[in-house]
């Protein structure tokens, strides 16, 4: 019975990790064409004239101007994109061996929690509207929603191993 539980838990852990990997990789890949994506968002919110459209239009105008005038500054968002992709690669370790690489899950949870002070402190300093900072914080919430159960399942497997093997 315990091997079946361990197999099910391991399967669920891998699902969580694939979600994390996909989310990080997707957020990294989508950071490269930021000007194009912002243009699409501005066009898709055209006619709403709400706070979101105004903010997106402001950001798009700034990114477009910056890319035309100082294109090398976008190299920073390229590195942001690269970092997200590398973080996705980091989670391949626990995908292969969740018990041995549980530290990656812990790191991910710490990073997810660290999003909140960054969003609220740096967001305030940089003049980011509160609604956008809350959107940024939602990435931490989603990551914790995926990683916390993963962490708990890994601990459960370790507890079962201690009972069975005395380790």
Protein backbone atom coordinates (compact mmCIF):
# COMPACT_ATOMS: atom_id res chain seq x y z
CA UNK A 1 0.00 0.00 0.00
CA UNK A 2 2.78 2.48 0.87
CA UNK A 3 4.55 1.98 -2.49
CA UNK A 4 1.27 2.91 -4.23
CA UNK A 5 1.01 6.07 -2.14
CA UNK A 6 4.63 6.96 -2.90
CA UNK A 7 4.03 6.38 -6.61
CA UNK A 8 0.94 8.60 -6.57
CA UNK A 9 2.70 11.31 -4.57
CA UNK A 10 5.70 11.21 -6.93
CA UNK A 11 3.35 11.54 -9.90
CA UNK A 12 1.62 14.56 -8.32
CA UNK A 13 5.00 16.11 -7.48
CA UNK A 14 6.04 15.79 -11.12
CA UNK A 15 2.81 17.43 -12.28
CA UNK A 16 3.49 20.36 -9.92
CA UNK A 17 7.06 20.64 -11.18
CA UNK A 18 5.99 20.56 -14.84
CA UNK A 19 3.53 23.37 -14.10
CA UNK A 20 6.33 25.37 -12.48
CA UNK A 21 8.74 24.68 -15.34
CA UNK A 22 6.14 25.61 -17.96
CA UNK A 23 5.18 28.81 -16.13
CA UNK A 24 8.77 29.96 -15.73
CA UNK A 25 9.72 29.07 -19.30
CA UNK A 26 6.62 30.77 -20.70
CA UNK A 27 7.17 33.93 -18.68
CA UNK A 28 10.79 33.95 -19.85
CA UNK A 29 10.02 33.40 -23.51
CA UNK A 30 7.30 36.05 -23.49
CA UNK A 31 9.64 38.65 -21.99
CA UNK A 32 11.71 38.84 -25.20
CA UNK A 33 9.07 40.43 -27.51
CA UNK A 34 7.80 42.82 -24.85
CA UNK A 35 7.14 45.75 -27.19
CA UNK A 36 5.10 43.62 -29.58
CA UNK A 37 3.13 42.05 -26.73
CA UNK A 38 2.40 45.41 -25.16
CA UNK A 39 1.15 46.67 -28.52
CA UNK A 40 -1.22 43.70 -28.74
CA UNK A 41 -2.46 44.34 -25.18
CA UNK A 42 -2.99 48.04 -25.87
CA UNK A 43 -4.91 47.22 -29.07
CA UNK A 44 -7.01 44.57 -27.30
CA UNK A 45 -7.98 47.01 -24.53
CA UNK A 46 -8.70 49.82 -27.00
CA UNK A 47 -12.12 51.28 -26.32
CA UNK A 48 -12.14 50.31 -22.65
CA UNK A 49 -10.38 53.55 -21.61
CA UNK A 50 -10.06 52.24 -18.08
CA UNK A 51 -7.13 52.25 -15.71
CA UNK A 52 -5.67 49.08 -17.23
CA UNK A 53 -5.72 50.46 -20.77
CA UNK A 54 -4.21 53.75 -19.63
CA UNK A 55 -1.41 51.95 -17.76
CA UNK A 56 -0.68 49.54 -20.63
CA UNK A 57 -0.62 52.42 -23.11
CA UNK A 58 1.78 54.38 -20.88
CA UNK A 59 4.10 51.39 -20.52
CA UNK A 60 3.92 50.60 -24.23
CA UNK A 61 4.77 54.20 -25.16
CA UNK A 62 7.75 54.16 -22.79
CA UNK A 63 9.03 50.81 -24.09
CA UNK A 64 8.56 51.87 -27.72
CA UNK A 65 10.36 55.19 -27.15
CA UNK A 66 13.14 53.48 -25.21
CA UNK A 67 13.61 50.82 -27.89
CA UNK A 68 13.76 53.50 -30.61
CA UNK A 69 16.07 55.80 -28.67
CA UNK A 70 18.07 53.46 -26.41
CA UNK A 71 17.64 49.92 -27.77
CA UNK A 72 20.45 48.55 -25.61
CA UNK A 73 18.30 49.04 -22.49
CA UNK A 74 16.06 46.18 -23.64
CA UNK A 75 19.06 43.95 -23.12
CA UNK A 76 18.02 44.09 -19.43
CA UNK A 77 14.66 42.48 -20.19
CA UNK A 78 16.49 39.93 -22.33
CA UNK A 79 18.47 38.97 -19.23
CA UNK A 80 15.24 38.85 -17.23
CA UNK A 81 13.84 36.46 -19.82
CA UNK A 82 17.01 34.38 -19.71
CA UNK A 83 16.85 34.20 -15.90
CA UNK A 84 13.28 32.87 -16.03
CA UNK A 85 14.31 30.19 -18.51
CA UNK A 86 17.31 29.22 -16.36
CA UNK A 87 15.07 29.02 -13.30
CA UNK A 88 12.83 26.67 -15.26
CA UNK A 89 15.89 24.51 -15.98
CA UNK A 90 16.70 24.53 -12.25
CA UNK A 91 13.46 22.66 -11.55
CA UNK A 92 14.54 19.75 -13.75
CA UNK A 93 16.67 18.54 -10.79
CA UNK A 94 13.68 17.87 -8.52
CA UNK A 95 11.78 16.51 -11.49
CA UNK A 96 14.45 13.79 -11.73
CA UNK A 97 14.84 13.25 -7.98
CA UNK A 98 12.45 15.24 -5.78
CA UNK A 99 13.83 13.95 -2.48
CA UNK A 100 17.45 14.72 -3.27
CA UNK A 101 16.69 18.13 -4.82
CA UNK A 102 14.07 19.37 -2.36
CA UNK A 103 16.25 22.45 -1.81
CA UNK A 104 15.11 23.72 -5.23
CA UNK A 105 11.50 23.60 -4.07
CA UNK A 106 12.50 25.50 -0.91
CA UNK A 107 14.37 28.04 -3.03
CA UNK A 108 11.28 28.48 -5.22
CA UNK A 109 9.07 29.08 -2.19
CA UNK A 110 11.51 31.65 -0.81
CA UNK A 111 11.59 33.41 -4.20
CA UNK A 112 7.78 33.36 -4.38
CA UNK A 113 7.51 34.96 -0.94
CA UNK A 114 10.20 37.52 -1.83
CA UNK A 115 8.01 38.77 -4.68
CA UNK A 116 5.74 40.53 -2.18
CA UNK A 117 8.23 42.95 -0.57
CA UNK A 118 9.84 43.60 -3.95
CA UNK A 119 6.50 44.43 -5.56
CA UNK A 120 5.38 46.69 -2.75
CA UNK A 121 8.68 48.42 -1.98
CA UNK A 122 10.22 48.76 -5.45
CA UNK A 123 6.77 49.21 -6.99
CA UNK A 124 6.09 52.17 -4.72
CA UNK A 125 9.51 53.69 -5.44
CA UNK A 126 9.05 53.24 -9.21
CA UNK A 127 5.48 54.56 -9.26
CA UNK A 128 3.84 51.28 -10.27
CA UNK A 129 0.06 51.39 -9.68
CA UNK A 130 -1.17 49.20 -6.82
CA UNK A 131 -3.35 47.08 -9.13
CA UNK A 132 -0.26 46.16 -11.16
CA UNK A 133 1.73 45.34 -8.04
CA UNK A 134 -1.07 42.99 -7.03
CA UNK A 135 -0.85 41.34 -10.45
CA UNK A 136 2.89 40.91 -9.86
CA UNK A 137 2.17 39.40 -6.43
CA UNK A 138 -0.21 36.93 -8.04
CA UNK A 139 2.85 35.21 -9.57
CA UNK A 140 4.10 34.54 -6.04
CA UNK A 141 0.67 33.24 -5.02
CA UNK A 142 0.53 30.90 -8.02
CA UNK A 143 4.07 29.65 -7.40
CA UNK A 144 3.29 28.96 -3.73
CA UNK A 145 0.06 27.24 -4.72
CA UNK A 146 2.12 24.85 -6.85
CA UNK A 147 5.26 24.51 -4.71
CA UNK A 148 3.84 24.26 -1.21
CA UNK A 149 1.84 21.07 -1.90
CA UNK A 150 4.87 19.73 -3.76
CA UNK A 151 7.06 20.40 -0.71
CA UNK A 152 4.54 18.74 1.61
CA UNK A 153 4.32 15.65 -0.60
CA UNK A 154 8.11 15.34 -0.63
CA UNK A 155 8.13 15.55 3.19
CA UNK A 156 5.41 12.87 3.31
CA UNK A 157 7.53 10.54 1.15
CA UNK A 158 10.55 11.18 3.39
CA UNK A 159 8.46 10.35 6.47
CA UNK A 160 7.28 7.10 4.84
CA UNK A 161 10.89 6.21 3.99
CA UNK A 162 11.87 6.80 7.62
CA UNK A 163 9.12 4.46 8.79
CA UNK A 164 9.91 1.74 6.23
CA UNK A 165 13.69 1.93 6.05
CA UNK A 166 14.54 3.67 9.32
CA UNK A 167 16.45 6.45 7.50
